Amino acid sequence: MKRPPKDTKIVTIGGGTGSFTVLSGLKKRKSVDLTAIIAMSDDGGSTGRLRTQLGILPPGDVRQALVAMAKSDRLLLDLFNYRFMDGSLSGHSFGNLLLAALEKITGDGNKAIEKAGEILAICGDVIPVTTDRVYLFGDLVGGGTIAGEHNIQNYAYGQGGDRLKKVYLNYQAKANPKAIKAIAEADMVVIGPGSVYTSIIPNFLVAGITNALKRTKAKRILVANLMAEPGLTENYQVTDFLSKIEEYLGQNIIETVIYNTQRPSARSLSKYVLERKSLVLPDKQNFLDRSCHFIGARLLDNKSYKQKPGDQLSRSLIRHNSDALAKVICRLA
């Protein structure tokens, strides 16, 4: 008797809007066992306020991953994403507050996320990369240090800011054992897309994650970003993203790089001029010098995104098409 094929175990590593995008597409694919490992250094907006006031794990990126993987009805998803506009709760999302309450009730960040996942009936697991209370620091090329992920982003987006040299955590945090186990058992690990210094690299700064990625038999894939960020990845091309990731992760770990070949409209790009953001281009002349495989595809989302009312953080409005990206990823399974 022929056994049915097993589900492909896909682990994503990142945070923020990038993780939301890739998870939203992958959850629709058949025969996929999905796990999201999320960075824990976020300290901006609602998340930052709750961390400071309650001493909890940062809920914002976790909330986005939970919603991306949810099977619940639209009203419950809207409730999780609802952001208060007035009063002392202004800027807070309901989902962040719920995660904060669940952690206080259970006394365990992992348990709080599991319970929130049950409420949303998510199709997989969301795992914080560490349960240690970590903060991100960045050193500048010209000297000086910036404390906090949110401050790093704000500094980089300021006009004339010095470039960021490196980032590190306030102390040597230990990896969540659940994250190590997920990587070890994965068939495929997808890194990115997302802000390189503030959503992706912080995962590699947690002790145990890099070694787990070196040891795993899973296929290791990097999704290059669509746009380069001022002061952080300014004027980066596809192989620049790979090189920066390898500075922290190590050489010859990434086996495949997925990049976009589609150009946004001039109108869309014009909105980024004042922010000094630029389109990430495929520098194919450099592909031959790298040992990994490069796959290009039309990956732009044609939807028009706007900043949500009450959201105090700047978000990217040019995004990957989640279904197109998931299709390319699953072809590699």
Protein backbone atom coordinates (compact mmCIF):
# COMPACT_ATOMS: atom_id res chain seq x y z
CA MET A 1 0.00 0.00 0.00
CA LYS A 2 1.38 3.38 -1.06
CA ARG A 3 1.88 5.91 1.74
CA PRO A 4 0.58 9.45 1.20
CA PRO A 5 3.36 12.04 0.75
CA LYS A 6 4.33 13.83 3.95
CA ASP A 7 3.89 17.57 4.36
CA THR A 8 6.92 19.73 3.58
CA LYS A 9 8.15 21.32 6.80
CA ILE A 10 8.91 24.97 6.06
CA VAL A 11 10.44 27.25 8.70
CA THR A 12 10.52 31.01 8.11
CA ILE A 13 12.93 33.33 9.94
CA GLY A 14 12.37 37.07 10.20
CA GLY A 15 9.85 39.50 11.61
CA GLY A 16 7.45 42.30 10.79
CA THR A 17 5.74 42.86 7.44
CA GLY A 18 8.20 40.59 5.62
CA SER A 19 7.26 37.54 7.67
CA PHE A 20 3.57 38.42 7.36
CA THR A 21 3.89 38.44 3.57
CA VAL A 22 5.69 35.12 3.16
CA LEU A 23 3.49 33.37 5.74
CA SER A 24 0.27 34.67 4.14
CA GLY A 25 1.20 32.96 0.89
CA LEU A 26 2.62 29.73 2.28
CA LYS A 27 -0.40 29.01 4.49
CA LYS A 28 -2.53 28.62 1.32
CA ARG A 29 -0.29 25.96 -0.17
CA LYS A 30 -1.25 22.32 0.19
CA SER A 31 0.98 19.84 2.03
CA VAL A 32 2.93 22.51 3.93
CA ASP A 33 3.75 22.24 7.65
CA LEU A 34 4.51 25.84 8.58
CA THR A 35 6.56 27.32 11.46
CA ALA A 36 7.52 30.98 11.91
CA ILE A 37 10.56 31.96 14.00
CA ILE A 38 10.24 35.62 14.96
CA ALA A 39 12.89 38.13 16.12
CA MET A 40 12.44 39.46 19.66
CA SER A 41 14.28 42.81 19.57
CA ASP A 42 11.40 45.05 18.46
CA ASP A 43 10.94 48.05 20.76
CA GLY A 44 8.98 50.60 18.74
CA GLY A 45 5.39 51.89 18.84
CA SER A 46 2.82 49.90 20.80
CA THR A 47 5.27 47.02 21.26
CA GLY A 48 7.90 49.26 22.84
CA ARG A 49 5.44 50.81 25.27
CA LEU A 50 4.17 47.41 26.40
CA ARG A 51 7.70 46.04 26.81
CA THR A 52 8.70 48.99 28.97
CA GLN A 53 5.55 49.10 31.08
CA LEU A 54 4.88 45.36 31.51
CA GLY A 55 8.22 43.61 30.97
CA ILE A 56 6.80 41.20 28.38
CA LEU A 57 8.13 39.76 25.13
CA PRO A 58 7.62 42.15 22.18
CA PRO A 59 4.17 41.26 20.78
CA GLY A 60 4.00 43.24 17.51
CA ASP A 61 5.83 40.97 15.06
CA VAL A 62 4.35 37.90 16.74
CA ARG A 63 0.87 39.34 16.26
CA GLN A 64 1.50 39.85 12.54
CA ALA A 65 2.72 36.27 12.15
CA LEU A 66 -0.31 34.90 14.01
CA VAL A 67 -2.72 36.86 11.82
CA ALA A 68 -0.87 35.77 8.66
CA MET A 69 -1.27 32.09 9.61
CA ALA A 70 -4.83 32.34 10.93
CA LYS A 71 -7.82 30.42 9.59
CA SER A 72 -10.30 32.45 11.66
CA ASP A 73 -13.11 34.53 10.23
CA ARG A 74 -12.53 38.10 9.06
CA LEU A 75 -14.05 39.74 12.15
CA LEU A 76 -11.63 38.00 14.53
CA LEU A 77 -8.67 38.95 12.34
CA ASP A 78 -9.87 42.55 12.21
CA LEU A 79 -10.20 42.47 16.01
CA PHE A 80 -6.59 41.29 16.43
CA ASN A 81 -5.37 44.06 14.13
CA TYR A 82 -7.66 46.78 15.50
CA ARG A 83 -5.64 49.81 16.59
CA PHE A 84 -7.03 52.29 19.12
CA MET A 85 -7.03 55.91 17.98
CA ASP A 86 -7.85 57.83 21.15
CA GLY A 87 -7.18 58.02 24.87
CA SER A 88 -4.44 56.27 26.81
CA LEU A 89 -4.67 53.24 24.48
CA SER A 90 -3.93 55.34 21.37
CA GLY A 91 -1.53 53.47 19.06
CA HIS A 92 -2.04 50.09 20.73
CA SER A 93 -3.47 47.19 18.71
CA PHE A 94 -5.92 44.85 20.39
CA GLY A 95 -3.77 41.85 19.46
CA ASN A 96 -0.75 43.32 21.23
CA LEU A 97 -2.82 43.92 24.36
CA LEU A 98 -4.23 40.38 24.25
CA LEU A 99 -0.75 38.85 23.92
CA ALA A 100 0.41 41.00 26.84
CA ALA A 101 -2.51 39.84 28.97
CA LEU A 102 -1.98 36.19 28.05
CA GLU A 103 1.70 36.37 29.02
CA LYS A 104 0.79 37.93 32.36
CA ILE A 105 -1.86 35.26 33.00
CA THR A 106 0.29 32.27 31.98
CA GLY A 107 3.63 33.69 33.11
CA ASP A 108 5.17 32.23 29.95
CA GLY A 109 5.75 33.97 26.60
CA ASN A 110 5.70 30.69 24.66
CA LYS A 111 2.43 29.64 26.29
CA ALA A 112 0.86 33.04 25.59
CA ILE A 113 1.65 32.73 21.88
CA GLU A 114 0.32 29.16 21.79
CA LYS A 115 -2.98 30.26 23.36
CA ALA A 116 -3.31 33.17 20.93
CA GLY A 117 -2.67 30.71 18.11
CA GLU A 118 -5.51 28.53 19.38
CA ILE A 119 -7.86 31.53 19.43
CA LEU A 120 -6.99 32.35 15.81
CA ALA A 121 -6.85 28.68 14.73
CA ILE A 122 -3.47 29.19 13.06
CA CYS A 123 -2.16 26.63 10.57
CA GLY A 124 1.24 26.01 12.14
CA ASP A 125 3.41 27.39 14.92
CA VAL A 126 4.77 30.83 15.81
CA ILE A 127 7.97 30.67 17.89
CA PRO A 128 9.91 33.57 19.46
CA VAL A 129 13.60 33.11 18.59
CA THR A 130 14.41 33.67 22.28
CA THR A 131 12.43 34.25 25.45
CA ASP A 132 15.25 36.38 26.88
CA ARG A 133 14.52 40.11 27.09
CA VAL A 134 16.87 41.43 24.41
CA TYR A 135 17.51 44.87 22.94
CA LEU A 136 19.35 45.73 19.74
CA PHE A 137 22.36 48.07 19.55
CA GLY A 138 24.05 49.47 16.46
CA ASP A 139 27.53 50.92 15.89
CA LEU A 140 28.01 53.60 13.24
CA VAL A 141 30.79 53.66 10.66
CA GLY A 142 31.97 57.07 11.88
CA GLY A 143 31.80 56.11 15.55
CA GLY A 144 29.02 56.20 18.09
CA THR A 145 26.36 53.74 19.20
CA ILE A 146 22.57 53.72 18.86
CA ALA A 147 20.51 51.89 21.49
CA GLY A 148 17.24 50.24 20.46
CA GLU A 149 15.84 48.84 17.23
CA HIS A 150 13.37 51.70 16.80
CA ASN A 151 16.11 54.30 17.29
CA ILE A 152 18.30 52.52 14.73
CA GLN A 153 15.51 52.72 12.15
CA ASN A 154 14.77 56.36 12.98
CA TYR A 155 18.43 57.36 12.77
CA ALA A 156 18.95 55.62 9.44
CA TYR A 157 15.88 57.30 7.95
CA GLY A 158 17.05 60.74 9.07
CA GLN A 159 18.65 62.93 6.44
CA GLY A 160 22.45 62.73 6.28
CA GLY A 161 22.81 60.02 8.92
CA ASP A 162 26.05 58.03 9.12
CA ARG A 163 25.86 54.44 7.84
CA LEU A 164 25.35 51.56 10.22
CA LYS A 165 28.43 49.37 10.69
CA LYS A 166 27.11 46.45 12.74
CA VAL A 167 24.37 45.43 15.16
CA TYR A 168 24.46 43.32 18.32
CA LEU A 169 22.30 42.43 21.31
CA ASN A 170 22.67 43.85 24.81
CA TYR A 171 23.84 40.41 26.01
CA GLN A 172 24.30 36.84 24.77
CA ALA A 173 20.74 35.56 24.62
CA LYS A 174 19.96 31.85 24.38
CA ALA A 175 17.85 30.40 21.59
CA ASN A 176 14.38 29.12 22.28
CA PRO A 177 14.71 25.28 22.25
CA LYS A 178 11.54 25.14 20.15
CA ALA A 179 13.27 27.23 17.47
CA ILE A 180 16.32 24.94 17.43
CA LYS A 181 14.08 21.87 17.13
CA ALA A 182 12.05 23.41 14.29
CA ILE A 183 15.19 24.21 12.28
CA ALA A 184 16.61 20.72 12.86
CA GLU A 185 13.42 19.05 11.62
CA ALA A 186 12.76 21.40 8.68
CA ASP A 187 12.82 20.43 5.02
CA MET A 188 13.25 24.08 4.06
CA VAL A 189 14.27 27.27 5.90
CA VAL A 190 13.21 30.58 4.36
CA ILE A 191 15.06 33.69 5.57
CA GLY A 192 13.42 37.05 4.90
CA PRO A 193 12.19 39.19 3.35
CA GLY A 194 12.40 42.03 5.86
CA SER A 195 14.59 44.77 7.23
CA VAL A 196 18.06 43.16 7.24
CA TYR A 197 19.48 44.79 10.35
CA THR A 198 16.33 44.97 12.46
CA SER A 199 14.16 41.98 11.47
CA ILE A 200 16.51 39.30 10.09
CA ILE A 201 20.01 39.63 11.57
CA PRO A 202 18.74 39.87 15.21
CA ASN A 203 17.71 36.21 14.88
CA PHE A 204 21.30 35.19 14.08
CA LEU A 205 22.63 37.10 17.10
CA VAL A 206 20.86 34.65 19.44
CA ALA A 207 23.22 31.87 20.58
CA GLY A 208 22.41 28.55 18.92
CA ILE A 209 20.54 29.75 15.82
CA THR A 210 23.53 30.02 13.48
CA ASN A 211 24.82 26.58 14.50
CA ALA A 212 21.35 25.11 14.02
CA LEU A 213 21.26 26.53 10.48
CA LYS A 214 24.71 25.09 9.75
CA ARG A 215 23.71 21.62 10.97
CA THR A 216 20.24 21.32 9.47
CA LYS A 217 19.69 19.20 6.37
CA ALA A 218 16.99 21.62 5.23
CA LYS A 219 17.28 23.67 2.05
CA ARG A 220 18.27 27.20 3.09
CA ILE A 221 16.74 30.02 1.08
CA LEU A 222 17.11 33.80 1.24
CA VAL A 223 14.41 36.11 -0.13
CA ALA A 224 16.05 39.38 -1.21
CA ASN A 225 14.22 42.60 -0.37
CA LEU A 226 12.42 44.73 -2.93
CA MET A 227 13.68 48.08 -1.64
CA ALA A 228 16.97 49.22 -0.11
CA GLU A 229 16.82 51.29 3.09
CA PRO A 230 18.77 54.52 3.67
CA GLY A 231 21.71 54.23 6.05
CA LEU A 232 21.10 50.50 6.43
CA THR A 233 21.17 48.83 3.01
CA GLU A 234 21.41 51.98 0.89
CA ASN A 235 21.93 51.25 -2.85
CA TYR A 236 22.15 47.50 -2.19
CA GLN A 237 21.78 45.06 -5.06
CA VAL A 238 20.81 41.39 -4.72
CA THR A 239 24.28 40.01 -3.90
CA ASP A 240 24.84 42.80 -1.36
CA PHE A 241 21.93 41.40 0.66
CA LEU A 242 23.47 37.96 0.49
CA SER A 243 26.88 39.27 1.58
CA LYS A 244 25.43 41.15 4.55
CA ILE A 245 23.50 38.10 5.75
CA GLU A 246 26.66 35.99 5.40
CA GLU A 247 28.59 38.39 7.64
CA TYR A 248 26.44 37.20 10.54
CA LEU A 249 25.33 33.75 9.39
CA GLY A 250 28.53 32.50 7.76
CA GLN A 251 29.60 31.54 4.26
CA ASN A 252 28.03 28.81 2.11
CA ILE A 253 24.95 28.36 4.29
CA ILE A 254 22.47 30.06 1.96
CA GLU A 255 21.89 27.74 -1.00
CA THR A 256 19.30 29.69 -2.99
CA VAL A 257 18.46 33.38 -3.34
CA ILE A 258 15.04 34.45 -4.64
CA TYR A 259 14.86 37.95 -6.13
CA ASN A 260 12.33 40.17 -7.88
CA THR A 261 12.59 40.95 -11.61
CA GLN A 262 9.54 43.22 -11.85
CA ARG A 263 9.85 47.02 -11.80
CA PRO A 264 7.26 49.07 -9.85
CA SER A 265 5.52 51.97 -11.54
CA ALA A 266 7.29 55.32 -11.66
CA ARG A 267 4.52 56.70 -9.47
CA SER A 268 5.14 54.08 -6.78
CA LEU A 269 8.90 54.65 -6.83
CA SER A 270 8.50 58.42 -6.63
CA LYS A 271 6.99 58.07 -3.16
CA TYR A 272 10.31 56.68 -1.91
CA VAL A 273 12.59 59.41 -3.31
CA LEU A 274 12.36 61.67 -0.25
CA GLU A 275 13.06 58.70 2.04
CA ARG A 276 16.21 57.85 0.02
CA LYS A 277 14.95 54.34 -0.70
CA SER A 278 15.86 52.62 -3.98
CA LEU A 279 14.79 49.55 -5.92
CA VAL A 280 16.96 46.47 -5.37
CA LEU A 281 18.35 45.43 -8.75
CA PRO A 282 19.67 42.00 -9.79
CA ASP A 283 23.43 42.42 -10.27
CA LYS A 284 23.70 39.34 -12.46
CA GLN A 285 27.36 40.04 -13.27
CA ASN A 286 28.12 39.04 -9.66
CA PHE A 287 25.96 35.91 -9.59
CA LEU A 288 28.68 33.74 -11.18
CA ASP A 289 31.08 34.53 -8.33
CA ARG A 290 28.73 33.01 -5.75
CA SER A 291 28.25 29.34 -4.94
CA CYS A 292 24.49 29.58 -4.40
CA HIS A 293 21.65 29.44 -6.94
CA PHE A 294 19.75 32.60 -7.92
CA ILE A 295 16.08 32.51 -8.96
CA GLY A 296 14.37 35.59 -10.38
CA ALA A 297 10.60 36.02 -10.70
CA ARG A 298 7.92 38.69 -10.97
CA LEU A 299 7.12 39.13 -7.30
CA LEU A 300 5.50 42.56 -6.90
CA ASP A 301 2.08 42.95 -5.31
CA ASN A 302 -0.15 45.16 -7.45
CA LYS A 303 -2.27 46.21 -4.47
CA SER A 304 -2.02 49.78 -3.25
CA TYR A 305 -1.04 49.85 0.45
CA LYS A 306 -1.67 52.78 2.76
CA GLN A 307 -0.51 53.52 6.28
CA LYS A 308 -3.14 52.24 8.72
CA PRO A 309 -4.76 54.83 11.01
CA GLY A 310 -3.17 54.90 14.46
CA ASP A 311 -0.03 53.04 13.36
CA GLN A 312 2.90 55.06 14.69
CA LEU A 313 5.57 53.21 12.67
CA SER A 314 6.58 53.73 9.05
CA ARG A 315 5.73 50.74 6.83
CA SER A 316 6.86 49.76 3.34
CA LEU A 317 4.14 50.27 0.73
CA ILE A 318 5.85 48.32 -2.08
CA ARG A 319 5.53 44.67 -1.10
CA HIS A 320 5.99 41.14 -2.37
CA ASN A 321 3.02 39.32 -3.82
CA SER A 322 2.58 36.64 -1.17
CA ASP A 323 1.08 34.06 -3.54
CA ALA A 324 3.75 34.54 -6.22
CA LEU A 325 6.51 34.27 -3.62
CA ALA A 326 4.98 31.14 -2.06
CA LYS A 327 4.74 29.55 -5.52
CA VAL A 328 8.47 30.04 -6.15
CA ILE A 329 9.39 28.75 -2.67
CA CYS A 330 7.26 25.62 -2.99
CA ARG A 331 8.81 24.78 -6.36
CA LEU A 332 12.08 24.28 -4.47
CA ALA A 333 10.59 21.74 -2.07
